[in-house]
Amino acid sequence: MKNCKGMLRHGNRLFHLYLVLNVVGVLGACGGGDAPLDAETRATIDSTAAAQIGQARLLLDSLCAHTEQTQMAHLVDSMKQVRTREIAEQLRSIQK
């Protein structure tokens, strides 16, 4: 689960960067790029960003939970097989 949290944080950083770049691009394309944003526009941008971040967080959480449920058994089995092989090799080397 720690890996999922790390991926989530990394995903959030990428999403924030993407969102900021899109907002800057849209604002730059609006013509009056030198005009400061008024409070209502800033509030609209903030609320839109917060809503999109919330949606992305829910999606990433569900994807992370689903991945953990579907792949955890396979990963544990793989680690068990590797460790069993290592133990068998060690036992063979000791018996010689």
PDB file of N, CA and C in Angstrom:
ATOM      1  N   MET A   1       0.816  -1.192   0.000  1.00  0.00           N
ATOM      2  CA  MET A   1       0.000   0.000   0.000  1.00  0.00           C
ATOM      3  C   MET A   1       0.864   1.263   0.000  1.00  0.00           C
ATOM      4  N   LYS A   2       2.078   1.155   0.580  1.00  0.00           N
ATOM      5  CA  LYS A   2       2.960   2.320   0.581  1.00  0.00           C
ATOM      6  C   LYS A   2       3.304   2.727  -0.836  1.00  0.00           C
ATOM      7  N   ASN A   3       3.516   1.746  -1.726  1.00  0.00           N
ATOM      8  CA  ASN A   3       3.826   2.070  -3.114  1.00  0.00           C
ATOM      9  C   ASN A   3       2.672   2.802  -3.760  1.00  0.00           C
ATOM     10  N   CYS A   4       1.461   2.403  -3.416  1.00  0.00           N
ATOM     11  CA  CYS A   4       0.290   3.074  -3.974  1.00  0.00           C
ATOM     12  C   CYS A   4       0.232   4.523  -3.500  1.00  0.00           C
ATOM     13  N   LYS A   5       0.528   4.754  -2.230  1.00  0.00           N
ATOM     14  CA  LYS A   5       0.523   6.122  -1.716  1.00  0.00           C
ATOM     15  C   LYS A   5       1.592   6.948  -2.418  1.00  0.00           C
ATOM     16  N   GLY A   6       2.764   6.334  -2.643  1.00  0.00           N
ATOM     17  CA  GLY A   6       3.835   7.044  -3.352  1.00  0.00           C
ATOM     18  C   GLY A   6       3.433   7.357  -4.770  1.00  0.00           C
ATOM     19  N   MET A   7       2.795   6.386  -5.431  1.00  0.00           N
ATOM     20  CA  MET A   7       2.327   6.621  -6.795  1.00  0.00           C
ATOM     21  C   MET A   7       1.257   7.699  -6.796  1.00  0.00           C
ATOM     22  N   LEU A   8       0.417   7.674  -5.744  1.00  0.00           N
ATOM     23  CA  LEU A   8      -0.643   8.673  -5.666  1.00  0.00           C
ATOM     24  C   LEU A   8      -0.048  10.060  -5.527  1.00  0.00           C
ATOM     25  N   ARG A   9       0.961  10.199  -4.661  1.00  0.00           N
ATOM     26  CA  ARG A   9       1.588  11.511  -4.507  1.00  0.00           C
ATOM     27  C   ARG A   9       2.248  11.947  -5.799  1.00  0.00           C
ATOM     28  N   HIS A  10       2.925  11.023  -6.462  1.00  0.00           N
ATOM     29  CA  HIS A  10       3.571  11.331  -7.739  1.00  0.00           C
ATOM     30  C   HIS A  10       2.512  11.702  -8.779  1.00  0.00           C
ATOM     31  N   GLY A  11       1.430  10.947  -8.798  1.00  0.00           N
ATOM     32  CA  GLY A  11       0.332  11.239  -9.721  1.00  0.00           C
ATOM     33  C   GLY A  11      -0.281  12.595  -9.437  1.00  0.00           C
ATOM     34  N   ASN A  12      -0.417  12.949  -8.145  1.00  0.00           N
ATOM     35  CA  ASN A  12      -0.964  14.257  -7.787  1.00  0.00           C
ATOM     36  C   ASN A  12      -0.051  15.374  -8.270  1.00  0.00           C
ATOM     37  N   ARG A  13       1.260  15.188  -8.130  1.00  0.00           N
ATOM     38  CA  ARG A  13       2.191  16.220  -8.589  1.00  0.00           C
ATOM     39  C   ARG A  13       2.070  16.419 -10.098  1.00  0.00           C
ATOM     40  N   LEU A  14       1.997  15.312 -10.820  1.00  0.00           N
ATOM     41  CA  LEU A  14       1.848  15.405 -12.270  1.00  0.00           C
ATOM     42  C   LEU A  14       0.523  16.059 -12.637  1.00  0.00           C
ATOM     43  N   PHE A  15      -0.523  15.692 -11.923  1.00  0.00           N
ATOM     44  CA  PHE A  15      -1.830  16.269 -12.207  1.00  0.00           C
ATOM     45  C   PHE A  15      -1.819  17.770 -11.928  1.00  0.00           C
ATOM     46  N   HIS A  16      -1.222  18.171 -10.797  1.00  0.00           N
ATOM     47  CA  HIS A  16      -1.146  19.605 -10.482  1.00  0.00           C
ATOM     48  C   HIS A  16      -0.358  20.353 -11.554  1.00  0.00           C
ATOM     49  N   LEU A  17       0.751  19.783 -11.974  1.00  0.00           N
ATOM     50  CA  LEU A  17       1.550  20.417 -13.017  1.00  0.00           C
ATOM     51  C   LEU A  17       0.733  20.544 -14.302  1.00  0.00           C
ATOM     52  N   TYR A  18       0.061  19.482 -14.683  1.00  0.00           N
ATOM     53  CA  TYR A  18      -0.791  19.493 -15.874  1.00  0.00           C
ATOM     54  C   TYR A  18      -1.872  20.568 -15.749  1.00  0.00           C
ATOM     55  N   LEU A  19      -2.507  20.627 -14.579  1.00  0.00           N
ATOM     56  CA  LEU A  19      -3.570  21.596 -14.372  1.00  0.00           C
ATOM     57  C   LEU A  19      -3.034  23.031 -14.457  1.00  0.00           C
ATOM     58  N   VAL A  20      -1.911  23.286 -13.810  1.00  0.00           N
ATOM     59  CA  VAL A  20      -1.326  24.634 -13.834  1.00  0.00           C
ATOM     60  C   VAL A  20      -0.949  25.026 -15.258  1.00  0.00           C
ATOM     61  N   LEU A  21      -0.337  24.110 -15.990  1.00  0.00           N
ATOM     62  CA  LEU A  21       0.038  24.414 -17.369  1.00  0.00           C
ATOM     63  C   LEU A  21      -1.191  24.695 -18.232  1.00  0.00           C
ATOM     64  N   ASN A  22      -2.258  23.950 -18.023  1.00  0.00           N
ATOM     65  CA  ASN A  22      -3.484  24.197 -18.782  1.00  0.00           C
ATOM     66  C   ASN A  22      -4.090  25.545 -18.438  1.00  0.00           C
ATOM     67  N   VAL A  23      -4.123  25.862 -17.152  1.00  0.00           N
ATOM     68  CA  VAL A  23      -4.690  27.156 -16.739  1.00  0.00           C
ATOM     69  C   VAL A  23      -3.858  28.297 -17.324  1.00  0.00           C
ATOM     70  N   VAL A  24      -2.542  28.186 -17.237  1.00  0.00           N
ATOM     71  CA  VAL A  24      -1.669  29.227 -17.794  1.00  0.00           C
ATOM     72  C   VAL A  24      -1.865  29.331 -19.305  1.00  0.00           C
ATOM     73  N   GLY A  25      -1.961  28.207 -19.976  1.00  0.00           N
ATOM     74  CA  GLY A  25      -2.180  28.217 -21.425  1.00  0.00           C
ATOM     75  C   GLY A  25      -3.496  28.856 -21.806  1.00  0.00           C
ATOM     76  N   VAL A  26      -4.545  28.527 -21.072  1.00  0.00           N
ATOM     77  CA  VAL A  26      -5.868  29.102 -21.366  1.00  0.00           C
ATOM     78  C   VAL A  26      -5.856  30.594 -21.093  1.00  0.00           C
ATOM     79  N   LEU A  27      -5.277  30.985 -19.985  1.00  0.00           N
ATOM     80  CA  LEU A  27      -5.246  32.410 -19.663  1.00  0.00           C
ATOM     81  C   LEU A  27      -4.393  33.191 -20.654  1.00  0.00           C
ATOM     82  N   GLY A  28      -3.316  32.587 -21.117  1.00  0.00           N
ATOM     83  CA  GLY A  28      -2.464  33.249 -22.101  1.00  0.00           C
ATOM     84  C   GLY A  28      -3.150  33.406 -23.443  1.00  0.00           C
ATOM     85  N   ALA A  29      -4.064  32.518 -23.756  1.00  0.00           N
ATOM     86  CA  ALA A  29      -4.758  32.557 -25.035  1.00  0.00           C
ATOM     87  C   ALA A  29      -5.952  33.506 -25.019  1.00  0.00           C
ATOM     88  N   CYS A  30      -6.276  34.034 -23.863  1.00  0.00           N
ATOM     89  CA  CYS A  30      -7.467  34.878 -23.749  1.00  0.00           C
ATOM     90  C   CYS A  30      -7.239  36.321 -24.186  1.00  0.00           C
ATOM     91  N   GLY A  31      -6.125  36.645 -24.707  1.00  0.00           N
ATOM     92  CA  GLY A  31      -5.906  37.999 -25.209  1.00  0.00           C
ATOM     93  C   GLY A  31      -5.293  38.907 -24.170  1.00  0.00           C
ATOM     94  N   GLY A  32      -6.019  39.337 -23.198  1.00  0.00           N
ATOM     95  CA  GLY A  32      -5.535  40.280 -22.197  1.00  0.00           C
ATOM     96  C   GLY A  32      -4.676  39.593 -21.157  1.00  0.00           C
ATOM     97  N   GLY A  33      -3.565  39.037 -21.549  1.00  0.00           N
ATOM     98  CA  GLY A  33      -2.692  38.310 -20.636  1.00  0.00           C
ATOM     99  C   GLY A  33      -2.086  39.197 -19.570  1.00  0.00           C
ATOM    100  N   ASP A  34      -2.020  40.501 -19.805  1.00  0.00           N
ATOM    101  CA  ASP A  34      -1.452  41.412 -18.819  1.00  0.00           C
ATOM    102  C   ASP A  34      -2.459  41.818 -17.753  1.00  0.00           C
ATOM    103  N   ALA A  35      -3.729  41.619 -18.020  1.00  0.00           N
ATOM    104  CA  ALA A  35      -4.760  42.003 -17.060  1.00  0.00           C
ATOM    105  C   ALA A  35      -4.734  41.046 -15.876  1.00  0.00           C
ATOM    106  N   PRO A  36      -4.731  41.573 -14.644  1.00  0.00           N
ATOM    107  CA  PRO A  36      -4.739  40.697 -13.469  1.00  0.00           C
ATOM    108  C   PRO A  36      -6.097  39.999 -13.329  1.00  0.00           C
ATOM    109  N   LEU A  37      -6.074  38.858 -12.715  1.00  0.00           N
ATOM    110  CA  LEU A  37      -7.309  38.119 -12.502  1.00  0.00           C
ATOM    111  C   LEU A  37      -8.077  38.738 -11.342  1.00  0.00           C
ATOM    112  N   ASP A  38      -9.377  38.830 -11.523  1.00  0.00           N
ATOM    113  CA  ASP A  38     -10.174  39.337 -10.414  1.00  0.00           C
ATOM    114  C   ASP A  38     -10.480  38.189  -9.444  1.00  0.00           C
ATOM    115  N   ALA A  39     -11.029  38.520  -8.300  1.00  0.00           N
ATOM    116  CA  ALA A  39     -11.263  37.527  -7.247  1.00  0.00           C
ATOM    117  C   ALA A  39     -12.231  36.443  -7.700  1.00  0.00           C
ATOM    118  N   GLU A  40     -13.236  36.811  -8.453  1.00  0.00           N
ATOM    119  CA  GLU A  40     -14.224  35.827  -8.903  1.00  0.00           C
ATOM    120  C   GLU A  40     -13.583  34.805  -9.854  1.00  0.00           C
ATOM    121  N   THR A  41     -12.726  35.287 -10.750  1.00  0.00           N
ATOM    122  CA  THR A  41     -12.051  34.378 -11.674  1.00  0.00           C
ATOM    123  C   THR A  41     -11.117  33.439 -10.918  1.00  0.00           C
ATOM    124  N   ARG A  42     -10.380  33.982  -9.951  1.00  0.00           N
ATOM    125  CA  ARG A  42      -9.492  33.137  -9.147  1.00  0.00           C
ATOM    126  C   ARG A  42     -10.288  32.098  -8.365  1.00  0.00           C
ATOM    127  N   ALA A  43     -11.415  32.511  -7.803  1.00  0.00           N
ATOM    128  CA  ALA A  43     -12.251  31.576  -7.050  1.00  0.00           C
ATOM    129  C   ALA A  43     -12.792  30.477  -7.968  1.00  0.00           C
ATOM    130  N   THR A  44     -13.168  30.842  -9.194  1.00  0.00           N
ATOM    131  CA  THR A  44     -13.659  29.855 -10.157  1.00  0.00           C
ATOM    132  C   THR A  44     -12.567  28.861 -10.513  1.00  0.00           C
ATOM    133  N   ILE A  45     -11.364  29.366 -10.760  1.00  0.00           N
ATOM    134  CA  ILE A  45     -10.238  28.485 -11.086  1.00  0.00           C
ATOM    135  C   ILE A  45      -9.933  27.559  -9.913  1.00  0.00           C
ATOM    136  N   ASP A  46      -9.906  28.121  -8.703  1.00  0.00           N
ATOM    137  CA  ASP A  46      -9.617  27.306  -7.518  1.00  0.00           C
ATOM    138  C   ASP A  46     -10.668  26.224  -7.305  1.00  0.00           C
ATOM    139  N   SER A  47     -11.941  26.581  -7.442  1.00  0.00           N
ATOM    140  CA  SER A  47     -12.987  25.580  -7.215  1.00  0.00           C
ATOM    141  C   SER A  47     -12.973  24.512  -8.308  1.00  0.00           C
ATOM    142  N   THR A  48     -12.707  24.913  -9.548  1.00  0.00           N
ATOM    143  CA  THR A  48     -12.619  23.940 -10.636  1.00  0.00           C
ATOM    144  C   THR A  48     -11.436  22.998 -10.413  1.00  0.00           C
ATOM    145  N   ALA A  49     -10.312  23.576 -10.042  1.00  0.00           N
ATOM    146  CA  ALA A  49      -9.121  22.749  -9.778  1.00  0.00           C
ATOM    147  C   ALA A  49      -9.377  21.800  -8.620  1.00  0.00           C
ATOM    148  N   ALA A  50      -9.996  22.285  -7.552  1.00  0.00           N
ATOM    149  CA  ALA A  50     -10.272  21.433  -6.392  1.00  0.00           C
ATOM    150  C   ALA A  50     -11.203  20.282  -6.776  1.00  0.00           C
ATOM    151  N   ALA A  51     -12.211  20.573  -7.586  1.00  0.00           N
ATOM    152  CA  ALA A  51     -13.134  19.518  -8.018  1.00  0.00           C
ATOM    153  C   ALA A  51     -12.427  18.481  -8.881  1.00  0.00           C
ATOM    154  N   GLN A  52     -11.595  18.923  -9.811  1.00  0.00           N
ATOM    155  CA  GLN A  52     -10.871  17.991 -10.675  1.00  0.00           C
ATOM    156  C   GLN A  52      -9.848  17.179  -9.884  1.00  0.00           C
ATOM    157  N   ILE A  53      -9.194  17.804  -8.936  1.00  0.00           N
ATOM    158  CA  ILE A  53      -8.229  17.088  -8.097  1.00  0.00           C
ATOM    159  C   ILE A  53      -8.957  16.038  -7.262  1.00  0.00           C
ATOM    160  N   GLY A  54     -10.118  16.397  -6.733  1.00  0.00           N
ATOM    161  CA  GLY A  54     -10.912  15.431  -5.970  1.00  0.00           C
ATOM    162  C   GLY A  54     -11.317  14.240  -6.820  1.00  0.00           C
ATOM    163  N   GLN A  55     -11.746  14.498  -8.056  1.00  0.00           N
ATOM    164  CA  GLN A  55     -12.120  13.409  -8.959  1.00  0.00           C
ATOM    165  C   GLN A  55     -10.911  12.537  -9.293  1.00  0.00           C
ATOM    166  N   ALA A  56      -9.781  13.163  -9.552  1.00  0.00           N
ATOM    167  CA  ALA A  56      -8.565  12.406  -9.865  1.00  0.00           C
ATOM    168  C   ALA A  56      -8.134  11.570  -8.669  1.00  0.00           C
ATOM    169  N   ARG A  57      -8.247  12.125  -7.475  1.00  0.00           N
ATOM    170  CA  ARG A  57      -7.858  11.390  -6.271  1.00  0.00           C
ATOM    171  C   ARG A  57      -8.730  10.152  -6.090  1.00  0.00           C
ATOM    172  N   LEU A  58     -10.046  10.310  -6.288  1.00  0.00           N
ATOM    173  CA  LEU A  58     -10.943   9.155  -6.185  1.00  0.00           C
ATOM    174  C   LEU A  58     -10.592   8.092  -7.211  1.00  0.00           C
ATOM    175  N   LEU A  59     -10.336   8.520  -8.429  1.00  0.00           N
ATOM    176  CA  LEU A  59      -9.987   7.575  -9.488  1.00  0.00           C
ATOM    177  C   LEU A  59      -8.684   6.851  -9.163  1.00  0.00           C
ATOM    178  N   LEU A  60      -7.669   7.597  -8.760  1.00  0.00           N
ATOM    179  CA  LEU A  60      -6.383   6.978  -8.446  1.00  0.00           C
ATOM    180  C   LEU A  60      -6.479   6.051  -7.238  1.00  0.00           C
ATOM    181  N   ASP A  61      -7.266   6.438  -6.233  1.00  0.00           N
ATOM    182  CA  ASP A  61      -7.454   5.564  -5.078  1.00  0.00           C
ATOM    183  C   ASP A  61      -8.113   4.254  -5.473  1.00  0.00           C
ATOM    184  N   SER A  62      -9.144   4.338  -6.309  1.00  0.00           N
ATOM    185  CA  SER A  62      -9.828   3.114  -6.718  1.00  0.00           C
ATOM    186  C   SER A  62      -8.928   2.246  -7.603  1.00  0.00           C
ATOM    187  N   LEU A  63      -8.151   2.875  -8.481  1.00  0.00           N
ATOM    188  CA  LEU A  63      -7.216   2.109  -9.306  1.00  0.00           C
ATOM    189  C   LEU A  63      -6.148   1.437  -8.452  1.00  0.00           C
ATOM    190  N   CYS A  64      -5.658   2.142  -7.467  1.00  0.00           N
ATOM    191  CA  CYS A  64      -4.634   1.593  -6.584  1.00  0.00           C
ATOM    192  C   CYS A  64      -5.205   0.420  -5.789  1.00  0.00           C
ATOM    193  N   ALA A  65      -6.411   0.569  -5.246  1.00  0.00           N
ATOM    194  CA  ALA A  65      -7.038  -0.512  -4.488  1.00  0.00           C
ATOM    195  C   ALA A  65      -7.287  -1.725  -5.380  1.00  0.00           C
ATOM    196  N   HIS A  66      -7.771  -1.485  -6.590  1.00  0.00           N
ATOM    197  CA  HIS A  66      -8.031  -2.578  -7.524  1.00  0.00           C
ATOM    198  C   HIS A  66      -6.735  -3.303  -7.891  1.00  0.00           C
ATOM    199  N   THR A  67      -5.689  -2.549  -8.157  1.00  0.00           N
ATOM    200  CA  THR A  67      -4.396  -3.145  -8.500  1.00  0.00           C
ATOM    201  C   THR A  67      -3.865  -3.970  -7.342  1.00  0.00           C
ATOM    202  N   GLU A  68      -4.004  -3.454  -6.141  1.00  0.00           N
ATOM    203  CA  GLU A  68      -3.535  -4.187  -4.969  1.00  0.00           C
ATOM    204  C   GLU A  68      -4.302  -5.499  -4.818  1.00  0.00           C
ATOM    205  N   GLN A  69      -5.611  -5.457  -5.008  1.00  0.00           N
ATOM    206  CA  GLN A  69      -6.432  -6.663  -4.864  1.00  0.00           C
ATOM    207  C   GLN A  69      -6.112  -7.694  -5.936  1.00  0.00           C
ATOM    208  N   THR A  70      -5.900  -7.251  -7.159  1.00  0.00           N
ATOM    209  CA  THR A  70      -5.714  -8.196  -8.260  1.00  0.00           C
ATOM    210  C   THR A  70      -4.285  -8.697  -8.389  1.00  0.00           C
ATOM    211  N   GLN A  71      -3.307  -7.913  -7.987  1.00  0.00           N
ATOM    212  CA  GLN A  71      -1.920  -8.310  -8.214  1.00  0.00           C
ATOM    213  C   GLN A  71      -1.191  -8.780  -6.970  1.00  0.00           C
ATOM    214  N   MET A  72      -1.731  -8.516  -5.791  1.00  0.00           N
ATOM    215  CA  MET A  72      -1.022  -8.865  -4.556  1.00  0.00           C
ATOM    216  C   MET A  72      -0.786 -10.366  -4.450  1.00  0.00           C
ATOM    217  N   ALA A  73      -1.784 -11.178  -4.723  1.00  0.00           N
ATOM    218  CA  ALA A  73      -1.628 -12.630  -4.618  1.00  0.00           C
ATOM    219  C   ALA A  73      -0.542 -13.121  -5.578  1.00  0.00           C
ATOM    220  N   HIS A  74      -0.544 -12.610  -6.790  1.00  0.00           N
ATOM    221  CA  HIS A  74       0.456 -13.003  -7.775  1.00  0.00           C
ATOM    222  C   HIS A  74       1.865 -12.608  -7.320  1.00  0.00           C
ATOM    223  N   LEU A  75       1.995 -11.410  -6.789  1.00  0.00           N
ATOM    224  CA  LEU A  75       3.307 -10.950  -6.334  1.00  0.00           C
ATOM    225  C   LEU A  75       3.811 -11.768  -5.156  1.00  0.00           C
ATOM    226  N   VAL A  76       2.917 -12.093  -4.231  1.00  0.00           N
ATOM    227  CA  VAL A  76       3.306 -12.900  -3.076  1.00  0.00           C
ATOM    228  C   VAL A  76       3.722 -14.293  -3.531  1.00  0.00           C
ATOM    229  N   ASP A  77       2.954 -14.878  -4.456  1.00  0.00           N
ATOM    230  CA  ASP A  77       3.310 -16.198  -4.983  1.00  0.00           C
ATOM    231  C   ASP A  77       4.672 -16.163  -5.672  1.00  0.00           C
ATOM    232  N   SER A  78       4.924 -15.115  -6.439  1.00  0.00           N
ATOM    233  CA  SER A  78       6.209 -14.993  -7.132  1.00  0.00           C
ATOM    234  C   SER A  78       7.353 -14.893  -6.140  1.00  0.00           C
ATOM    235  N   MET A  79       7.183 -14.080  -5.106  1.00  0.00           N
ATOM    236  CA  MET A  79       8.238 -13.945  -4.099  1.00  0.00           C
ATOM    237  C   MET A  79       8.450 -15.263  -3.369  1.00  0.00           C
ATOM    238  N   LYS A  80       7.355 -15.988  -3.102  1.00  0.00           N
ATOM    239  CA  LYS A  80       7.461 -17.270  -2.409  1.00  0.00           C
ATOM    240  C   LYS A  80       8.224 -18.277  -3.277  1.00  0.00           C
ATOM    241  N   GLN A  81       7.943 -18.300  -4.564  1.00  0.00           N
ATOM    242  CA  GLN A  81       8.652 -19.215  -5.468  1.00  0.00           C
ATOM    243  C   GLN A  81      10.139 -18.900  -5.513  1.00  0.00           C
ATOM    244  N   VAL A  82      10.475 -17.635  -5.616  1.00  0.00           N
ATOM    245  CA  VAL A  82      11.891 -17.239  -5.662  1.00  0.00           C
ATOM    246  C   VAL A  82      12.576 -17.623  -4.362  1.00  0.00           C
ATOM    247  N   ARG A  83      11.936 -17.337  -3.243  1.00  0.00           N
ATOM    248  CA  ARG A  83      12.550 -17.642  -1.941  1.00  0.00           C
ATOM    249  C   ARG A  83      12.691 -19.149  -1.752  1.00  0.00           C
ATOM    250  N   THR A  84      11.702 -19.922  -2.179  1.00  0.00           N
ATOM    251  CA  THR A  84      11.786 -21.381  -2.073  1.00  0.00           C
ATOM    252  C   THR A  84      12.957 -21.911  -2.891  1.00  0.00           C
ATOM    253  N   ARG A  85      13.150 -21.368  -4.092  1.00  0.00           N
ATOM    254  CA  ARG A  85      14.293 -21.750  -4.924  1.00  0.00           C
ATOM    255  C   ARG A  85      15.617 -21.408  -4.246  1.00  0.00           C
ATOM    256  N   GLU A  86      15.693 -20.217  -3.657  1.00  0.00           N
ATOM    257  CA  GLU A  86      16.922 -19.807  -2.968  1.00  0.00           C
ATOM    258  C   GLU A  86      17.235 -20.735  -1.800  1.00  0.00           C
ATOM    259  N   ILE A  87      16.213 -21.106  -1.046  1.00  0.00           N
ATOM    260  CA  ILE A  87      16.414 -22.004   0.098  1.00  0.00           C
ATOM    261  C   ILE A  87      16.888 -23.366  -0.388  1.00  0.00           C
ATOM    262  N   ALA A  88      16.266 -23.866  -1.456  1.00  0.00           N
ATOM    263  CA  ALA A  88      16.667 -25.167  -2.001  1.00  0.00           C
ATOM    264  C   ALA A  88      18.123 -25.130  -2.463  1.00  0.00           C
ATOM    265  N   GLU A  89      18.541 -24.053  -3.112  1.00  0.00           N
ATOM    266  CA  GLU A  89      19.931 -23.927  -3.561  1.00  0.00           C
ATOM    267  C   GLU A  89      20.885 -23.875  -2.371  1.00  0.00           C
ATOM    268  N   GLN A  90      20.503 -23.161  -1.328  1.00  0.00           N
ATOM    269  CA  GLN A  90      21.348 -23.088  -0.133  1.00  0.00           C
ATOM    270  C   GLN A  90      21.470 -24.455   0.530  1.00  0.00           C
ATOM    271  N   LEU A  91      20.367 -25.202   0.593  1.00  0.00           N
ATOM    272  CA  LEU A  91      20.400 -26.532   1.187  1.00  0.00           C
ATOM    273  C   LEU A  91      21.279 -27.481   0.375  1.00  0.00           C
ATOM    274  N   ARG A  92      21.209 -27.370  -0.944  1.00  0.00           N
ATOM    275  CA  ARG A  92      22.064 -28.206  -1.787  1.00  0.00           C
ATOM    276  C   ARG A  92      23.541 -27.895  -1.573  1.00  0.00           C
ATOM    277  N   SER A  93      23.862 -26.625  -1.427  1.00  0.00           N
ATOM    278  CA  SER A  93      25.270 -26.256  -1.231  1.00  0.00           C
ATOM    279  C   SER A  93      25.772 -26.679   0.143  1.00  0.00           C
ATOM    280  N   ILE A  94      24.916 -26.734   1.126  1.00  0.00           N
ATOM    281  CA  ILE A  94      25.319 -27.149   2.484  1.00  0.00           C
ATOM    282  C   ILE A  94      25.545 -28.666   2.529  1.00  0.00           C
ATOM    283  N   GLN A  95      24.751 -29.434   1.814  1.00  0.00           N
ATOM    284  CA  GLN A  95      24.826 -30.887   1.844  1.00  0.00           C
ATOM    285  C   GLN A  95      26.066 -31.423   1.141  1.00  0.00           C
ATOM    286  N   LYS A  96      26.719 -30.634   0.324  1.00  0.00           N
ATOM    287  CA  LYS A  96      27.915 -31.095  -0.392  1.00  0.00           C
ATOM    288  C   LYS A  96      29.082 -31.111   0.482  1.00  0.00           C
TER     289      LYS A  96
END
